[in-house]
Amino acid sequence: MSKGSKIAIGAVIGAVSGIIAGVLTAPKSGKETRTDIKNKAQELKNQASDKAADVKDMASEQVRNVEEQVKTAKDKAESKFRDLEDKIR
């Protein structure tokens, strides 16, 4: 697991802990507290989903970049091989 993902997980855990502590210490009825918890949980789920989509997009872009670099390196190697082959003949 990368350092960045550990930090992101820690931030999410910290945010959830803070929200839960705030909701549970607020002077509200049980029904209101449950509604608040449900709403906050949905909000966090949406945020996590958005972040996951962003990470997926970034990973896909990185894969495309690496594929392009590999193709370039392969093309260069094949060209040099053909040049050497021509010199040998």
N, C-alpha and C. Protein backbone atom coordinates (compact mmCIF):
# COMPACT_ATOMS: atom_id res chain seq x y z
N MET A 1 0.85 -1.16 0.00
CA MET A 1 0.00 0.00 0.00
C MET A 1 0.90 1.23 0.00
N SER A 2 0.61 2.18 -0.87
CA SER A 2 1.46 3.36 -0.99
C SER A 2 1.20 4.33 0.17
N LYS A 3 2.16 5.22 0.34
CA LYS A 3 2.08 6.20 1.41
C LYS A 3 0.85 7.09 1.23
N GLY A 4 0.58 7.47 -0.04
CA GLY A 4 -0.57 8.33 -0.31
C GLY A 4 -1.89 7.68 0.04
N SER A 5 -2.02 6.39 -0.26
CA SER A 5 -3.28 5.71 0.05
C SER A 5 -3.43 5.53 1.56
N LYS A 6 -2.32 5.34 2.27
CA LYS A 6 -2.40 5.23 3.73
C LYS A 6 -2.87 6.56 4.33
N ILE A 7 -2.36 7.65 3.78
CA ILE A 7 -2.76 8.97 4.27
C ILE A 7 -4.24 9.20 3.98
N ALA A 8 -4.69 8.82 2.78
CA ALA A 8 -6.10 8.99 2.42
C ALA A 8 -7.00 8.18 3.34
N ILE A 9 -6.61 6.93 3.63
CA ILE A 9 -7.40 6.08 4.52
C ILE A 9 -7.45 6.69 5.91
N GLY A 10 -6.30 7.18 6.37
CA GLY A 10 -6.25 7.83 7.68
C GLY A 10 -7.14 9.06 7.75
N ALA A 11 -7.15 9.84 6.67
CA ALA A 11 -7.99 11.04 6.62
C ALA A 11 -9.47 10.67 6.67
N VAL A 12 -9.84 9.63 5.94
CA VAL A 12 -11.24 9.19 5.94
C VAL A 12 -11.63 8.69 7.33
N ILE A 13 -10.78 7.90 7.94
CA ILE A 13 -11.08 7.39 9.28
C ILE A 13 -11.22 8.54 10.28
N GLY A 14 -10.31 9.51 10.17
CA GLY A 14 -10.38 10.67 11.05
C GLY A 14 -11.66 11.47 10.85
N ALA A 15 -12.04 11.66 9.59
CA ALA A 15 -13.26 12.41 9.28
C ALA A 15 -14.49 11.69 9.83
N VAL A 16 -14.53 10.38 9.61
CA VAL A 16 -15.67 9.59 10.10
C VAL A 16 -15.74 9.66 11.63
N SER A 17 -14.60 9.52 12.28
CA SER A 17 -14.56 9.58 13.74
C SER A 17 -15.07 10.93 14.24
N GLY A 18 -14.61 12.00 13.60
CA GLY A 18 -15.05 13.34 14.00
C GLY A 18 -16.54 13.54 13.80
N ILE A 19 -17.04 13.08 12.69
CA ILE A 19 -18.48 13.22 12.42
C ILE A 19 -19.30 12.44 13.43
N ILE A 20 -18.88 11.21 13.68
CA ILE A 20 -19.61 10.38 14.64
C ILE A 20 -19.59 11.01 16.03
N ALA A 21 -18.44 11.49 16.45
CA ALA A 21 -18.34 12.12 17.77
C ALA A 21 -19.23 13.35 17.84
N GLY A 22 -19.23 14.15 16.78
CA GLY A 22 -20.07 15.34 16.76
C GLY A 22 -21.55 15.02 16.80
N VAL A 23 -21.95 14.03 16.04
CA VAL A 23 -23.36 13.66 16.00
C VAL A 23 -23.81 13.07 17.33
N LEU A 24 -22.97 12.22 17.91
CA LEU A 24 -23.37 11.55 19.15
C LEU A 24 -23.39 12.49 20.36
N THR A 25 -22.63 13.57 20.31
CA THR A 25 -22.61 14.50 21.44
C THR A 25 -23.59 15.65 21.26
N ALA A 26 -24.23 15.73 20.12
CA ALA A 26 -25.20 16.80 19.87
C ALA A 26 -26.48 16.53 20.67
N PRO A 27 -27.08 17.60 21.21
CA PRO A 27 -28.31 17.42 22.02
C PRO A 27 -29.54 17.26 21.12
N LYS A 28 -29.71 16.07 20.57
CA LYS A 28 -30.84 15.78 19.70
C LYS A 28 -31.52 14.50 20.15
N SER A 29 -32.71 14.29 19.63
CA SER A 29 -33.42 13.05 19.95
C SER A 29 -32.74 11.89 19.22
N GLY A 30 -33.07 10.69 19.62
CA GLY A 30 -32.49 9.50 18.99
C GLY A 30 -32.83 9.42 17.52
N LYS A 31 -34.07 9.77 17.18
CA LYS A 31 -34.50 9.72 15.78
C LYS A 31 -33.70 10.72 14.94
N GLU A 32 -33.54 11.93 15.46
CA GLU A 32 -32.77 12.96 14.73
C GLU A 32 -31.31 12.53 14.59
N THR A 33 -30.77 11.94 15.65
CA THR A 33 -29.37 11.49 15.61
C THR A 33 -29.20 10.39 14.57
N ARG A 34 -30.11 9.43 14.54
CA ARG A 34 -30.03 8.35 13.54
C ARG A 34 -30.15 8.91 12.12
N THR A 35 -31.02 9.87 11.93
CA THR A 35 -31.17 10.51 10.62
C THR A 35 -29.88 11.22 10.22
N ASP A 36 -29.30 11.95 11.18
CA ASP A 36 -28.03 12.63 10.91
C ASP A 36 -26.93 11.64 10.54
N ILE A 37 -26.86 10.54 11.29
CA ILE A 37 -25.83 9.52 11.01
C ILE A 37 -26.05 8.94 9.62
N LYS A 38 -27.29 8.65 9.29
CA LYS A 38 -27.61 8.09 7.97
C LYS A 38 -27.21 9.06 6.87
N ASN A 39 -27.54 10.34 7.05
CA ASN A 39 -27.20 11.35 6.03
C ASN A 39 -25.69 11.51 5.88
N LYS A 40 -24.99 11.56 7.00
CA LYS A 40 -23.53 11.70 6.94
C LYS A 40 -22.89 10.47 6.31
N ALA A 41 -23.42 9.30 6.63
CA ALA A 41 -22.87 8.06 6.04
C ALA A 41 -23.05 8.08 4.53
N GLN A 42 -24.21 8.52 4.07
CA GLN A 42 -24.46 8.60 2.62
C GLN A 42 -23.52 9.62 1.98
N GLU A 43 -23.32 10.73 2.64
CA GLU A 43 -22.41 11.77 2.12
C GLU A 43 -20.99 11.22 2.01
N LEU A 44 -20.54 10.53 3.04
CA LEU A 44 -19.19 9.94 3.01
C LEU A 44 -19.08 8.86 1.95
N LYS A 45 -20.13 8.09 1.78
CA LYS A 45 -20.14 7.05 0.73
C LYS A 45 -19.99 7.70 -0.64
N ASN A 46 -20.72 8.78 -0.86
CA ASN A 46 -20.62 9.49 -2.14
C ASN A 46 -19.22 10.06 -2.36
N GLN A 47 -18.65 10.64 -1.32
CA GLN A 47 -17.30 11.20 -1.42
C GLN A 47 -16.29 10.09 -1.72
N ALA A 48 -16.42 8.96 -1.04
CA ALA A 48 -15.50 7.84 -1.26
C ALA A 48 -15.64 7.32 -2.68
N SER A 49 -16.86 7.27 -3.16
CA SER A 49 -17.10 6.80 -4.53
C SER A 49 -16.45 7.75 -5.54
N ASP A 50 -16.59 9.05 -5.30
CA ASP A 50 -15.96 10.04 -6.18
C ASP A 50 -14.44 9.90 -6.17
N LYS A 51 -13.87 9.74 -4.99
CA LYS A 51 -12.41 9.59 -4.88
C LYS A 51 -11.96 8.31 -5.58
N ALA A 52 -12.73 7.23 -5.41
CA ALA A 52 -12.37 5.97 -6.06
C ALA A 52 -12.38 6.13 -7.58
N ALA A 53 -13.35 6.86 -8.09
CA ALA A 53 -13.41 7.11 -9.54
C ALA A 53 -12.22 7.93 -9.99
N ASP A 54 -11.84 8.93 -9.18
CA ASP A 54 -10.66 9.75 -9.52
C ASP A 54 -9.39 8.90 -9.54
N VAL A 55 -9.24 8.04 -8.54
CA VAL A 55 -8.05 7.18 -8.48
C VAL A 55 -8.04 6.21 -9.66
N LYS A 56 -9.19 5.68 -10.01
CA LYS A 56 -9.28 4.77 -11.15
C LYS A 56 -8.88 5.49 -12.44
N ASP A 57 -9.36 6.72 -12.61
CA ASP A 57 -9.00 7.50 -13.80
C ASP A 57 -7.49 7.77 -13.84
N MET A 58 -6.92 8.13 -12.70
CA MET A 58 -5.48 8.40 -12.64
C MET A 58 -4.69 7.13 -12.95
N ALA A 59 -5.14 6.00 -12.41
CA ALA A 59 -4.44 4.74 -12.67
C ALA A 59 -4.53 4.37 -14.14
N SER A 60 -5.69 4.57 -14.74
CA SER A 60 -5.84 4.27 -16.17
C SER A 60 -4.91 5.14 -17.01
N GLU A 61 -4.80 6.40 -16.64
CA GLU A 61 -3.91 7.30 -17.36
C GLU A 61 -2.45 6.85 -17.21
N GLN A 62 -2.08 6.43 -16.02
CA GLN A 62 -0.71 5.96 -15.80
C GLN A 62 -0.45 4.70 -16.63
N VAL A 63 -1.42 3.81 -16.69
CA VAL A 63 -1.27 2.59 -17.50
C VAL A 63 -1.06 2.96 -18.96
N ARG A 64 -1.86 3.90 -19.46
CA ARG A 64 -1.69 4.33 -20.85
C ARG A 64 -0.31 4.92 -21.08
N ASN A 65 0.18 5.72 -20.13
CA ASN A 65 1.51 6.31 -20.26
C ASN A 65 2.59 5.25 -20.30
N VAL A 66 2.49 4.27 -19.42
CA VAL A 66 3.49 3.20 -19.38
C VAL A 66 3.42 2.38 -20.66
N GLU A 67 2.21 2.08 -21.13
CA GLU A 67 2.08 1.32 -22.38
C GLU A 67 2.74 2.07 -23.53
N GLU A 68 2.55 3.38 -23.57
CA GLU A 68 3.15 4.19 -24.63
C GLU A 68 4.68 4.17 -24.52
N GLN A 69 5.19 4.27 -23.31
CA GLN A 69 6.65 4.25 -23.11
C GLN A 69 7.22 2.89 -23.52
N VAL A 70 6.52 1.82 -23.17
CA VAL A 70 6.98 0.48 -23.54
C VAL A 70 6.98 0.32 -25.05
N LYS A 71 5.94 0.80 -25.71
CA LYS A 71 5.86 0.70 -27.16
C LYS A 71 7.00 1.50 -27.81
N THR A 72 7.28 2.69 -27.30
CA THR A 72 8.37 3.50 -27.83
C THR A 72 9.70 2.79 -27.67
N ALA A 73 9.94 2.23 -26.47
CA ALA A 73 11.19 1.51 -26.22
C ALA A 73 11.30 0.29 -27.12
N LYS A 74 10.20 -0.42 -27.31
CA LYS A 74 10.19 -1.60 -28.18
C LYS A 74 10.51 -1.21 -29.62
N ASP A 75 9.87 -0.14 -30.08
CA ASP A 75 10.12 0.33 -31.45
C ASP A 75 11.59 0.72 -31.65
N LYS A 76 12.16 1.40 -30.66
CA LYS A 76 13.58 1.79 -30.75
C LYS A 76 14.48 0.56 -30.78
N ALA A 77 14.17 -0.42 -29.92
CA ALA A 77 14.99 -1.63 -29.87
C ALA A 77 14.90 -2.40 -31.18
N GLU A 78 13.70 -2.50 -31.74
CA GLU A 78 13.55 -3.20 -33.02
C GLU A 78 14.30 -2.47 -34.12
N SER A 79 14.27 -1.15 -34.11
CA SER A 79 14.97 -0.36 -35.13
C SER A 79 16.48 -0.59 -35.03
N LYS A 80 17.00 -0.55 -33.81
CA LYS A 80 18.44 -0.78 -33.62
C LYS A 80 18.82 -2.20 -34.03
N PHE A 81 17.96 -3.15 -33.72
CA PHE A 81 18.23 -4.53 -34.10
C PHE A 81 18.29 -4.65 -35.63
N ARG A 82 17.34 -4.03 -36.32
CA ARG A 82 17.35 -4.07 -37.78
C ARG A 82 18.60 -3.39 -38.33
N ASP A 83 19.01 -2.27 -37.74
CA ASP A 83 20.23 -1.59 -38.18
C ASP A 83 21.45 -2.50 -38.02
N LEU A 84 21.54 -3.17 -36.89
CA LEU A 84 22.66 -4.09 -36.67
C LEU A 84 22.60 -5.26 -37.63
N GLU A 85 21.40 -5.75 -37.87
CA GLU A 85 21.23 -6.86 -38.78
C GLU A 85 21.70 -6.46 -40.19
N ASP A 86 21.35 -5.25 -40.60
CA ASP A 86 21.77 -4.74 -41.93
C ASP A 86 23.29 -4.60 -42.01
N LYS A 87 23.93 -4.16 -40.92
CA LYS A 87 25.39 -3.99 -40.91
C LYS A 87 26.10 -5.34 -41.00
N ILE A 88 25.51 -6.35 -40.39
CA ILE A 88 26.11 -7.68 -40.39
C ILE A 88 26.04 -8.30 -41.78
N ARG A 89 25.02 -8.05 -42.51
CA ARG A 89 24.83 -8.65 -43.83
C ARG A 89 25.67 -8.00 -44.82
